[in-house]
Amino acid sequence: MGGENLSEIKVSKEEIDIILDNTIQSITDFKNSVYGKNNDSSKKVKNYLEWTAVKTDMVKNEELFTIPDNKAPLIKRSYVHWVHFGFNVGKEFGGHHPAVILKETGDSVFVLPLSSGKIPQDKKGKAYCVDVPFVYDLAAMPRWANVLRIVCVSKMRLDFTSRTGRLQGKYMDAINEAMKKSGIKI
């Protein structure tokens, strides 16, 4: 496309209809080939289809998106929001998880997803893993984070209907130290 303006590229209704038909067929083939093999495969199909609907609504309503007034002040470093990471491929982080805001960048934020439970045995002692035993205003449970999973996401992925939490300074310091040891700067 070398320098072409995407808004100047015309796409016909017929081309869109063909792409839509192919997409519907691909999703149907996925469902038919995966669903019912076992409980995990059925859950995979369910999660993928739910995410497809959520993401479609996000894209459809992109121009209407606004951050609720009572939530805007809470989009800053150390605050914890629930984020729709989506259905991802392989070992990529996905799903609906709490994540620590690390940096706001206009319409996006760098976040660090939090996993529930204690740090798994195979990750204990790793410089990139941080124990987060407490988050203000979220359910009391142990959590942990892998700083190698830091990602920049649109603010549209933040779930403004769920509770917002906040990390204590000592946990933010631990995250900063793990980022430094892992060579991560944002």
Protein backbone atom coordinates (compact mmCIF):
# COMPACT_ATOMS: atom_id res chain seq x y z
CA MET A 1 0.00 0.00 0.00
CA GLY A 2 3.04 2.27 0.29
CA GLY A 3 1.66 5.64 1.34
CA GLU A 4 -1.96 5.12 0.29
CA ASN A 5 -4.55 6.71 2.51
CA LEU A 6 -6.77 3.90 3.83
CA SER A 7 -9.82 6.17 3.79
CA GLU A 8 -9.37 6.54 0.01
CA ILE A 9 -9.48 2.78 -0.67
CA LYS A 10 -12.95 1.80 -1.88
CA VAL A 11 -14.36 -1.55 -0.79
CA SER A 12 -17.44 -2.90 -2.54
CA LYS A 13 -20.46 -4.37 -0.76
CA GLU A 14 -19.89 -7.59 -2.70
CA GLU A 15 -16.31 -7.84 -1.39
CA ILE A 16 -17.52 -7.28 2.18
CA ASP A 17 -20.27 -9.90 1.74
CA ILE A 18 -17.72 -12.46 0.51
CA ILE A 19 -15.43 -11.74 3.47
CA LEU A 20 -18.40 -12.00 5.87
CA ASP A 21 -19.51 -15.33 4.37
CA ASN A 22 -15.93 -16.66 4.63
CA THR A 23 -15.67 -15.47 8.24
CA ILE A 24 -18.98 -17.09 9.21
CA GLN A 25 -17.88 -20.34 7.52
CA SER A 26 -14.50 -20.23 9.29
CA ILE A 27 -16.14 -19.71 12.70
CA THR A 28 -18.65 -22.49 11.99
CA ASP A 29 -15.84 -24.85 10.91
CA PHE A 30 -13.94 -23.99 14.11
CA LYS A 31 -16.99 -24.73 16.26
CA ASN A 32 -17.71 -27.99 14.46
CA SER A 33 -14.12 -29.24 14.63
CA VAL A 34 -13.41 -28.29 18.26
CA TYR A 35 -16.68 -28.33 20.23
CA GLY A 36 -17.53 -31.46 22.19
CA LYS A 37 -14.12 -33.17 22.14
CA ASN A 38 -13.80 -32.56 25.88
CA ASN A 39 -14.79 -29.95 28.46
CA ASP A 40 -11.73 -27.80 27.70
CA SER A 41 -12.50 -27.73 23.98
CA SER A 42 -16.14 -26.81 24.63
CA LYS A 43 -15.01 -24.02 26.96
CA LYS A 44 -12.56 -22.83 24.28
CA VAL A 45 -15.38 -22.54 21.73
CA LYS A 46 -17.62 -20.74 24.24
CA ASN A 47 -14.86 -18.27 25.22
CA TYR A 48 -13.91 -17.60 21.61
CA LEU A 49 -17.48 -16.94 20.50
CA GLU A 50 -18.16 -14.70 23.52
CA TRP A 51 -14.97 -12.73 22.84
CA THR A 52 -15.87 -12.40 19.16
CA ALA A 53 -19.20 -10.81 20.15
CA VAL A 54 -17.59 -8.48 22.73
CA LYS A 55 -14.86 -7.36 20.33
CA THR A 56 -17.38 -6.82 17.52
CA ASP A 57 -19.41 -4.58 19.84
CA MET A 58 -16.27 -2.67 20.83
CA VAL A 59 -15.36 -2.01 17.20
CA LYS A 60 -18.97 -1.17 16.30
CA ASN A 61 -19.22 1.36 19.14
CA GLU A 62 -15.66 2.69 18.91
CA GLU A 63 -16.68 6.22 17.89
CA LEU A 64 -19.28 6.38 20.69
CA PHE A 65 -16.88 5.25 23.42
CA THR A 66 -16.47 7.53 26.42
CA ILE A 67 -14.98 6.90 29.82
CA PRO A 68 -17.53 7.36 32.61
CA ASP A 69 -16.82 10.62 34.47
CA ASN A 70 -16.48 8.84 37.82
CA LYS A 71 -13.83 6.46 36.40
CA ALA A 72 -11.56 8.88 34.51
CA PRO A 73 -9.58 9.95 37.61
CA LEU A 74 -8.88 6.26 38.37
CA ILE A 75 -6.96 5.59 35.16
CA LYS A 76 -3.49 6.20 36.50
CA ARG A 77 -0.45 4.37 37.75
CA SER A 78 -1.06 1.82 40.54
CA TYR A 79 -4.82 1.56 39.94
CA VAL A 80 -6.15 -1.90 39.12
CA HIS A 81 -8.90 -2.28 36.51
CA TRP A 82 -10.56 -5.35 35.09
CA VAL A 83 -9.50 -5.66 31.45
CA HIS A 84 -10.94 -7.62 28.52
CA PHE A 85 -7.72 -9.10 27.12
CA GLY A 86 -9.69 -11.18 24.66
CA PHE A 87 -9.22 -14.63 23.24
CA ASN A 88 -5.58 -14.99 22.35
CA VAL A 89 -3.45 -17.56 20.60
CA GLY A 90 -1.12 -20.11 22.20
CA LYS A 91 0.29 -18.98 25.55
CA GLU A 92 -0.66 -15.30 25.11
CA PHE A 93 -2.45 -13.82 28.11
CA GLY A 94 -6.19 -13.62 27.56
CA GLY A 95 -9.56 -13.45 29.26
CA HIS A 96 -11.07 -10.98 31.70
CA HIS A 97 -8.49 -10.19 34.40
CA PRO A 98 -7.52 -7.42 36.78
CA ALA A 99 -4.48 -5.46 35.62
CA VAL A 100 -2.33 -2.73 37.12
CA ILE A 101 -2.15 0.53 35.19
CA LEU A 102 1.53 1.31 34.61
CA LYS A 103 1.31 4.23 32.20
CA GLU A 104 -1.42 6.18 30.44
CA THR A 105 -0.71 7.12 26.83
CA GLY A 106 -3.65 9.02 25.36
CA ASP A 107 -6.33 6.53 24.34
CA SER A 108 -4.26 3.57 25.56
CA VAL A 109 -2.69 2.29 28.76
CA PHE A 110 0.23 0.02 29.54
CA VAL A 111 -1.06 -2.61 31.94
CA LEU A 112 0.33 -5.55 33.88
CA PRO A 113 -2.18 -8.42 34.16
CA LEU A 114 -2.62 -10.01 37.58
CA SER A 115 -3.10 -13.76 37.96
CA SER A 116 -4.95 -15.21 40.92
CA GLY A 117 -3.27 -17.52 43.37
CA LYS A 118 0.30 -17.79 44.50
CA ILE A 119 3.26 -17.72 42.11
CA PRO A 120 3.49 -21.21 40.55
CA GLN A 121 6.35 -23.40 41.73
CA ASP A 122 8.13 -23.26 38.35
CA LYS A 123 8.08 -19.43 38.45
CA LYS A 124 9.15 -18.92 42.09
CA GLY A 125 12.34 -16.92 42.39
CA LYS A 126 12.20 -15.67 38.79
CA ALA A 127 13.17 -12.00 38.53
CA TYR A 128 10.16 -11.27 36.29
CA CYS A 129 7.55 -12.58 38.75
CA VAL A 130 6.10 -10.41 41.49
CA ASP A 131 4.01 -11.51 44.46
CA VAL A 132 0.93 -9.27 44.93
CA PRO A 133 -0.81 -10.61 48.05
CA PHE A 134 -3.22 -7.68 48.43
CA VAL A 135 -5.11 -5.24 46.22
CA TYR A 136 -7.16 -2.51 47.91
CA ASP A 137 -10.90 -2.72 47.10
CA LEU A 138 -10.75 -6.08 45.28
CA ALA A 139 -11.52 -9.52 46.69
CA ALA A 140 -8.96 -10.57 49.27
CA MET A 141 -6.88 -13.24 47.57
CA PRO A 142 -3.26 -13.79 46.69
CA ARG A 143 -2.25 -12.63 43.21
CA TRP A 144 0.95 -12.44 41.23
CA ALA A 145 2.25 -10.82 38.08
CA ASN A 146 4.73 -11.65 35.33
CA VAL A 147 6.23 -8.37 34.09
CA LEU A 148 6.99 -10.03 30.74
CA ARG A 149 3.22 -9.85 30.12
CA ILE A 150 3.05 -6.04 30.16
CA VAL A 151 0.89 -4.93 27.24
CA CYS A 152 -0.47 -1.69 25.81
CA VAL A 153 -4.25 -1.84 25.35
CA SER A 154 -6.97 0.55 24.30
CA LYS A 155 -8.89 2.12 27.18
CA MET A 156 -11.94 0.54 25.52
CA ARG A 157 -10.75 -2.80 26.94
CA LEU A 158 -11.11 -1.53 30.52
CA ASP A 159 -14.25 -2.84 32.21
CA PHE A 160 -15.83 0.23 33.75
CA THR A 161 -18.68 -1.81 35.27
CA SER A 162 -16.37 -3.70 37.66
CA ARG A 163 -14.69 -2.55 40.84
CA THR A 164 -11.43 -0.64 40.64
CA GLY A 165 -8.62 -1.46 43.05
CA ARG A 166 -5.25 0.00 43.90
CA LEU A 167 -1.82 -1.37 44.76
CA GLN A 168 0.23 -0.28 47.73
CA GLY A 169 3.51 1.47 46.99
CA LYS A 170 5.61 -1.49 48.13
CA TYR A 171 4.01 -3.70 45.45
CA MET A 172 4.54 -1.03 42.79
CA ASP A 173 8.18 -0.84 43.93
CA ALA A 174 8.47 -4.63 43.51
CA ILE A 175 6.99 -4.36 39.99
CA ASN A 176 9.41 -1.54 39.14
CA GLU A 177 12.34 -3.65 40.38
CA ALA A 178 11.20 -6.71 38.37
CA MET A 179 10.86 -4.52 35.27
CA LYS A 180 14.35 -3.11 35.81
CA LYS A 181 15.87 -6.59 36.28
CA SER A 182 14.06 -7.75 33.14
CA GLY A 183 15.24 -4.77 31.08
CA ILE A 184 11.76 -3.34 30.60
CA LYS A 185 11.27 0.42 30.34
CA ILE A 186 7.98 2.13 29.61
